[in-house]
Amino acid sequence: MKKLTLKRHRMLKRASYFQRVYRLGKSYASRYLVLYVFTVRPGEKNLKGEIGFAAGKKLGCAVRRVRVKRLLRESYRLHQHELAPHHALVLVGRKAAVAAKRQEVEQSLLALCKKAGLLSKDAKH
């Protein structure tokens, strides 16, 4: 079995990369999070990384925002191998995610990925 890790080089870091996904991507929302999806053309070097995580100040203090981002990261990490390649994603936590359990956020992420058509054919969901 593969070790499920989330490599740092696969994460979006620059604000310009986040803005590009927000501006050009398609969004899908649920109670706990908003998923932005941008299809990256093969060979495109402008967008480095595949996934970004965000939690705005409306969620509360830094402790709450960090917890929400941690929930989003863990949910993505567990299911990253099931998602189709060549997409840049941004996961944005919503207010309901502050009090949510990991399983709830995880199910919400899977539902949004299915809605967006990101789940690969061999995924069992």
N, C-alpha and C. Protein backbone atom coordinates (compact mmCIF):
# COMPACT_ATOMS: atom_id res chain seq x y z
N MET A 1 0.84 -1.19 0.00
CA MET A 1 0.00 0.00 0.00
C MET A 1 0.88 1.25 0.00
N LYS A 2 0.45 2.24 -0.77
CA LYS A 2 1.21 3.49 -0.84
C LYS A 2 1.08 4.27 0.47
N LYS A 3 2.16 4.94 0.81
CA LYS A 3 2.12 5.81 1.97
C LYS A 3 1.42 7.11 1.57
N LEU A 4 0.40 7.47 2.32
CA LEU A 4 -0.39 8.65 1.99
C LEU A 4 0.24 9.89 2.60
N THR A 5 1.00 10.60 1.79
CA THR A 5 1.60 11.84 2.26
C THR A 5 1.21 12.96 1.31
N LEU A 6 1.27 14.15 1.80
CA LEU A 6 0.99 15.33 0.98
C LEU A 6 2.28 16.13 0.89
N LYS A 7 2.91 16.06 -0.27
CA LYS A 7 4.19 16.72 -0.48
C LYS A 7 4.03 18.24 -0.56
N ARG A 8 4.96 18.95 0.01
CA ARG A 8 4.92 20.41 0.03
C ARG A 8 5.02 21.01 -1.37
N HIS A 9 5.74 20.36 -2.26
CA HIS A 9 5.90 20.92 -3.61
C HIS A 9 4.60 20.83 -4.41
N ARG A 10 3.62 20.08 -3.94
CA ARG A 10 2.33 19.97 -4.62
C ARG A 10 1.33 21.03 -4.14
N MET A 11 1.74 21.86 -3.19
CA MET A 11 0.83 22.85 -2.62
C MET A 11 1.02 24.21 -3.28
N LEU A 12 -0.09 24.91 -3.49
CA LEU A 12 -0.04 26.28 -4.00
C LEU A 12 0.48 27.18 -2.90
N LYS A 13 1.40 28.06 -3.24
CA LYS A 13 1.97 28.94 -2.23
C LYS A 13 1.79 30.42 -2.55
N ARG A 14 1.91 30.79 -3.80
CA ARG A 14 1.84 32.19 -4.17
C ARG A 14 0.40 32.68 -4.29
N ALA A 15 0.20 33.91 -3.88
CA ALA A 15 -1.14 34.52 -3.98
C ALA A 15 -1.61 34.58 -5.42
N SER A 16 -0.69 34.76 -6.35
CA SER A 16 -1.08 34.83 -7.76
C SER A 16 -1.63 33.50 -8.26
N TYR A 17 -1.11 32.38 -7.74
CA TYR A 17 -1.63 31.07 -8.12
C TYR A 17 -3.05 30.89 -7.58
N PHE A 18 -3.25 31.30 -6.32
CA PHE A 18 -4.59 31.22 -5.72
C PHE A 18 -5.56 32.08 -6.53
N GLN A 19 -5.15 33.30 -6.87
CA GLN A 19 -6.01 34.22 -7.61
C GLN A 19 -6.38 33.67 -8.98
N ARG A 20 -5.45 33.00 -9.61
CA ARG A 20 -5.73 32.43 -10.92
C ARG A 20 -6.78 31.33 -10.83
N VAL A 21 -6.68 30.49 -9.82
CA VAL A 21 -7.67 29.43 -9.63
C VAL A 21 -9.03 30.04 -9.29
N TYR A 22 -9.04 31.05 -8.41
CA TYR A 22 -10.30 31.72 -8.06
C TYR A 22 -10.94 32.35 -9.30
N ARG A 23 -10.14 33.04 -10.09
CA ARG A 23 -10.66 33.82 -11.21
C ARG A 23 -11.08 32.94 -12.39
N LEU A 24 -10.27 31.95 -12.73
CA LEU A 24 -10.51 31.15 -13.93
C LEU A 24 -11.16 29.79 -13.65
N GLY A 25 -11.17 29.39 -12.40
CA GLY A 25 -11.71 28.08 -12.06
C GLY A 25 -13.21 28.10 -11.83
N LYS A 26 -13.75 26.92 -11.64
CA LYS A 26 -15.18 26.75 -11.36
C LYS A 26 -15.31 26.42 -9.89
N SER A 27 -16.37 26.91 -9.25
CA SER A 27 -16.51 26.68 -7.81
C SER A 27 -17.71 25.79 -7.51
N TYR A 28 -17.56 25.03 -6.44
CA TYR A 28 -18.60 24.14 -5.93
C TYR A 28 -18.64 24.34 -4.42
N ALA A 29 -19.83 24.53 -3.87
CA ALA A 29 -19.93 24.85 -2.45
C ALA A 29 -20.76 23.82 -1.71
N SER A 30 -20.42 23.63 -0.46
CA SER A 30 -21.20 22.81 0.46
C SER A 30 -21.26 23.54 1.80
N ARG A 31 -21.81 22.91 2.77
CA ARG A 31 -21.94 23.52 4.09
C ARG A 31 -20.58 23.81 4.73
N TYR A 32 -19.62 22.93 4.53
CA TYR A 32 -18.34 23.02 5.22
C TYR A 32 -17.21 23.66 4.42
N LEU A 33 -17.30 23.63 3.09
CA LEU A 33 -16.19 24.14 2.31
C LEU A 33 -16.63 24.56 0.91
N VAL A 34 -15.75 25.30 0.26
CA VAL A 34 -15.93 25.68 -1.14
C VAL A 34 -14.73 25.11 -1.88
N LEU A 35 -15.01 24.43 -3.00
CA LEU A 35 -13.97 23.82 -3.82
C LEU A 35 -13.87 24.60 -5.12
N TYR A 36 -12.68 25.12 -5.41
CA TYR A 36 -12.40 25.78 -6.68
C TYR A 36 -11.56 24.83 -7.52
N VAL A 37 -11.96 24.63 -8.77
CA VAL A 37 -11.28 23.69 -9.66
C VAL A 37 -10.84 24.42 -10.92
N PHE A 38 -9.57 24.30 -11.24
CA PHE A 38 -9.02 24.88 -12.46
C PHE A 38 -8.28 23.78 -13.20
N THR A 39 -8.66 23.54 -14.46
CA THR A 39 -8.02 22.50 -15.25
C THR A 39 -6.72 23.05 -15.83
N VAL A 40 -5.64 22.37 -15.53
CA VAL A 40 -4.31 22.79 -15.98
C VAL A 40 -3.97 22.01 -17.24
N ARG A 41 -3.58 22.72 -18.29
CA ARG A 41 -3.16 22.04 -19.51
C ARG A 41 -1.82 21.36 -19.29
N PRO A 42 -1.64 20.15 -19.82
CA PRO A 42 -0.34 19.48 -19.66
C PRO A 42 0.79 20.34 -20.23
N GLY A 43 1.85 20.44 -19.49
CA GLY A 43 3.00 21.24 -19.92
C GLY A 43 2.94 22.69 -19.48
N GLU A 44 1.85 23.12 -18.89
CA GLU A 44 1.73 24.50 -18.43
C GLU A 44 2.58 24.68 -17.17
N LYS A 45 3.50 25.61 -17.22
CA LYS A 45 4.44 25.77 -16.11
C LYS A 45 4.10 26.96 -15.22
N ASN A 46 3.10 27.74 -15.62
CA ASN A 46 2.77 28.94 -14.85
C ASN A 46 2.18 28.61 -13.49
N LEU A 47 1.46 27.50 -13.38
CA LEU A 47 0.77 27.17 -12.15
C LEU A 47 1.50 26.02 -11.47
N LYS A 48 2.29 26.35 -10.48
CA LYS A 48 3.03 25.31 -9.77
C LYS A 48 2.19 24.83 -8.59
N GLY A 49 2.15 23.54 -8.41
CA GLY A 49 1.37 22.97 -7.33
C GLY A 49 -0.01 22.56 -7.80
N GLU A 50 -0.70 21.84 -6.96
CA GLU A 50 -2.00 21.30 -7.32
C GLU A 50 -3.10 21.68 -6.35
N ILE A 51 -2.74 21.98 -5.12
CA ILE A 51 -3.77 22.16 -4.09
C ILE A 51 -3.40 23.32 -3.18
N GLY A 52 -4.41 24.09 -2.82
CA GLY A 52 -4.22 25.17 -1.87
C GLY A 52 -5.33 25.13 -0.83
N PHE A 53 -5.04 25.59 0.35
CA PHE A 53 -6.00 25.59 1.45
C PHE A 53 -6.12 27.00 2.00
N ALA A 54 -7.37 27.42 2.28
CA ALA A 54 -7.58 28.77 2.78
C ALA A 54 -8.67 28.77 3.84
N ALA A 55 -8.52 29.68 4.79
CA ALA A 55 -9.52 29.89 5.84
C ALA A 55 -9.47 31.38 6.18
N GLY A 56 -10.55 32.07 5.90
CA GLY A 56 -10.59 33.52 6.10
C GLY A 56 -10.76 33.92 7.55
N LYS A 57 -10.57 35.19 7.82
CA LYS A 57 -10.65 35.70 9.18
C LYS A 57 -12.05 35.67 9.76
N LYS A 58 -13.06 35.50 8.91
CA LYS A 58 -14.43 35.40 9.40
C LYS A 58 -14.65 34.15 10.24
N LEU A 59 -13.76 33.18 10.11
CA LEU A 59 -13.89 31.93 10.87
C LEU A 59 -13.51 32.10 12.34
N GLY A 60 -12.79 33.14 12.66
CA GLY A 60 -12.42 33.37 14.05
C GLY A 60 -10.92 33.56 14.21
N CYS A 61 -10.46 33.24 15.41
CA CYS A 61 -9.05 33.45 15.75
C CYS A 61 -8.15 32.48 14.97
N ALA A 62 -6.86 32.67 15.08
CA ALA A 62 -5.89 31.89 14.34
C ALA A 62 -5.99 30.40 14.66
N VAL A 63 -6.29 30.07 15.90
CA VAL A 63 -6.40 28.67 16.31
C VAL A 63 -7.51 27.98 15.52
N ARG A 64 -8.63 28.63 15.37
CA ARG A 64 -9.76 28.06 14.61
C ARG A 64 -9.43 27.94 13.13
N ARG A 65 -8.79 28.96 12.58
CA ARG A 65 -8.44 28.93 11.16
C ARG A 65 -7.44 27.82 10.86
N VAL A 66 -6.47 27.65 11.74
CA VAL A 66 -5.48 26.59 11.55
C VAL A 66 -6.14 25.22 11.65
N ARG A 67 -7.09 25.06 12.56
CA ARG A 67 -7.79 23.78 12.70
C ARG A 67 -8.59 23.46 11.43
N VAL A 68 -9.26 24.45 10.88
CA VAL A 68 -10.04 24.25 9.66
C VAL A 68 -9.11 23.85 8.51
N LYS A 69 -7.99 24.54 8.37
CA LYS A 69 -7.05 24.19 7.31
C LYS A 69 -6.47 22.79 7.52
N ARG A 70 -6.25 22.42 8.76
CA ARG A 70 -5.76 21.08 9.07
C ARG A 70 -6.79 20.01 8.67
N LEU A 71 -8.07 20.28 8.96
CA LEU A 71 -9.14 19.36 8.55
C LEU A 71 -9.19 19.22 7.03
N LEU A 72 -9.08 20.33 6.33
CA LEU A 72 -9.10 20.29 4.87
C LEU A 72 -7.91 19.53 4.31
N ARG A 73 -6.72 19.79 4.86
CA ARG A 73 -5.51 19.09 4.41
C ARG A 73 -5.62 17.59 4.62
N GLU A 74 -6.09 17.19 5.79
CA GLU A 74 -6.20 15.76 6.10
C GLU A 74 -7.22 15.08 5.21
N SER A 75 -8.35 15.72 4.98
CA SER A 75 -9.38 15.15 4.11
C SER A 75 -8.84 14.97 2.70
N TYR A 76 -8.12 15.97 2.20
CA TYR A 76 -7.53 15.86 0.87
C TYR A 76 -6.45 14.78 0.84
N ARG A 77 -5.61 14.75 1.84
CA ARG A 77 -4.50 13.80 1.87
C ARG A 77 -4.99 12.35 1.77
N LEU A 78 -6.08 12.05 2.46
CA LEU A 78 -6.60 10.69 2.47
C LEU A 78 -7.18 10.26 1.13
N HIS A 79 -7.59 11.21 0.31
CA HIS A 79 -8.26 10.86 -0.94
C HIS A 79 -7.58 11.42 -2.18
N GLN A 80 -6.36 11.92 -2.05
CA GLN A 80 -5.68 12.53 -3.18
C GLN A 80 -5.44 11.55 -4.33
N HIS A 81 -5.22 10.28 -4.01
CA HIS A 81 -4.96 9.28 -5.04
C HIS A 81 -6.21 8.94 -5.85
N GLU A 82 -7.39 9.33 -5.37
CA GLU A 82 -8.65 9.04 -6.07
C GLU A 82 -9.04 10.15 -7.04
N LEU A 83 -8.35 11.28 -6.99
CA LEU A 83 -8.72 12.43 -7.80
C LEU A 83 -8.00 12.41 -9.15
N ALA A 84 -8.69 12.92 -10.16
CA ALA A 84 -8.13 12.99 -11.50
C ALA A 84 -6.95 13.96 -11.52
N PRO A 85 -5.92 13.68 -12.33
CA PRO A 85 -4.77 14.58 -12.41
C PRO A 85 -5.07 15.81 -13.27
N HIS A 86 -4.11 16.70 -13.33
CA HIS A 86 -4.16 17.92 -14.16
C HIS A 86 -5.23 18.90 -13.72
N HIS A 87 -5.40 19.03 -12.44
CA HIS A 87 -6.32 20.03 -11.89
C HIS A 87 -5.63 20.75 -10.75
N ALA A 88 -5.83 22.05 -10.69
CA ALA A 88 -5.38 22.83 -9.53
C ALA A 88 -6.63 23.09 -8.69
N LEU A 89 -6.55 22.79 -7.41
CA LEU A 89 -7.69 22.92 -6.51
C LEU A 89 -7.37 23.91 -5.40
N VAL A 90 -8.40 24.61 -4.96
CA VAL A 90 -8.29 25.42 -3.75
C VAL A 90 -9.49 25.05 -2.88
N LEU A 91 -9.22 24.68 -1.65
CA LEU A 91 -10.26 24.36 -0.67
C LEU A 91 -10.34 25.51 0.32
N VAL A 92 -11.54 26.08 0.45
CA VAL A 92 -11.75 27.20 1.35
C VAL A 92 -12.73 26.76 2.43
N GLY A 93 -12.31 26.86 3.68
CA GLY A 93 -13.18 26.48 4.80
C GLY A 93 -14.28 27.50 5.03
N ARG A 94 -15.44 27.00 5.46
CA ARG A 94 -16.57 27.86 5.78
C ARG A 94 -16.83 27.80 7.28
N LYS A 95 -17.69 28.68 7.76
CA LYS A 95 -17.96 28.83 9.19
C LYS A 95 -18.37 27.52 9.85
N ALA A 96 -19.17 26.69 9.18
CA ALA A 96 -19.64 25.43 9.76
C ALA A 96 -18.50 24.45 10.01
N ALA A 97 -17.38 24.61 9.30
CA ALA A 97 -16.25 23.69 9.45
C ALA A 97 -15.53 23.88 10.78
N VAL A 98 -15.74 25.01 11.44
CA VAL A 98 -15.07 25.28 12.72
C VAL A 98 -15.47 24.23 13.76
N ALA A 99 -16.74 23.85 13.77
CA ALA A 99 -17.23 22.90 14.76
C ALA A 99 -17.41 21.49 14.19
N ALA A 100 -16.99 21.27 12.95
CA ALA A 100 -17.22 19.98 12.29
C ALA A 100 -16.17 18.95 12.68
N LYS A 101 -16.55 17.70 12.54
CA LYS A 101 -15.63 16.58 12.72
C LYS A 101 -14.98 16.28 11.37
N ARG A 102 -13.83 15.60 11.41
CA ARG A 102 -13.09 15.32 10.19
C ARG A 102 -13.91 14.52 9.19
N GLN A 103 -14.69 13.55 9.67
CA GLN A 103 -15.48 12.71 8.77
C GLN A 103 -16.52 13.53 8.00
N GLU A 104 -17.08 14.53 8.65
CA GLU A 104 -18.07 15.38 7.98
C GLU A 104 -17.42 16.19 6.86
N VAL A 105 -16.27 16.75 7.15
CA VAL A 105 -15.55 17.53 6.14
C VAL A 105 -15.10 16.62 5.00
N GLU A 106 -14.65 15.43 5.35
CA GLU A 106 -14.20 14.46 4.36
C GLU A 106 -15.33 14.06 3.41
N GLN A 107 -16.50 13.76 3.96
CA GLN A 107 -17.65 13.40 3.12
C GLN A 107 -18.08 14.57 2.24
N SER A 108 -18.01 15.77 2.79
CA SER A 108 -18.35 16.96 2.02
C SER A 108 -17.38 17.15 0.85
N LEU A 109 -16.09 16.94 1.10
CA LEU A 109 -15.09 17.05 0.05
C LEU A 109 -15.34 16.02 -1.04
N LEU A 110 -15.61 14.79 -0.66
CA LEU A 110 -15.86 13.74 -1.65
C LEU A 110 -17.10 14.04 -2.49
N ALA A 111 -18.14 14.56 -1.84
CA ALA A 111 -19.36 14.91 -2.57
C ALA A 111 -19.09 16.01 -3.59
N LEU A 112 -18.32 17.02 -3.20
CA LEU A 112 -18.00 18.11 -4.12
C LEU A 112 -17.10 17.63 -5.26
N CYS A 113 -16.16 16.74 -4.96
CA CYS A 113 -15.28 16.20 -6.01
C CYS A 113 -16.09 15.38 -7.00
N LYS A 114 -17.04 14.63 -6.50
CA LYS A 114 -17.91 13.84 -7.38
C LYS A 114 -18.74 14.77 -8.26
N LYS A 115 -19.28 15.83 -7.67
CA LYS A 115 -20.08 16.81 -8.40
C LYS A 115 -19.24 17.49 -9.49
N ALA A 116 -17.97 17.74 -9.18
CA ALA A 116 -17.07 18.41 -10.13
C ALA A 116 -16.49 17.44 -11.15
N GLY A 117 -16.73 16.14 -10.98
CA GLY A 117 -16.20 15.15 -11.91
C GLY A 117 -14.73 14.87 -11.71
N LEU A 118 -14.24 15.04 -10.50
CA LEU A 118 -12.82 14.85 -10.22
C LEU A 118 -12.47 13.45 -9.77
N LEU A 119 -13.44 12.68 -9.32
CA LEU A 119 -13.14 11.33 -8.85
C LEU A 119 -12.80 10.46 -10.04
N SER A 120 -11.68 9.77 -9.96
CA SER A 120 -11.27 8.90 -11.06
C SER A 120 -12.19 7.69 -11.14
N LYS A 121 -12.16 7.01 -12.26
CA LYS A 121 -13.07 5.91 -12.54
C LYS A 121 -12.93 4.75 -11.56
N ASP A 122 -11.71 4.48 -11.07
CA ASP A 122 -11.49 3.34 -10.20
C ASP A 122 -11.75 3.65 -8.73
N ALA A 123 -12.15 4.87 -8.40
CA ALA A 123 -12.47 5.22 -7.03
C ALA A 123 -13.78 4.54 -6.61
N LYS A 124 -13.82 4.08 -5.39
CA LYS A 124 -14.98 3.33 -4.91
C LYS A 124 -15.87 4.21 -4.06
N HIS A 125 -16.50 5.21 -4.68
CA HIS A 125 -17.42 6.09 -3.95
C HIS A 125 -18.64 6.33 -4.74
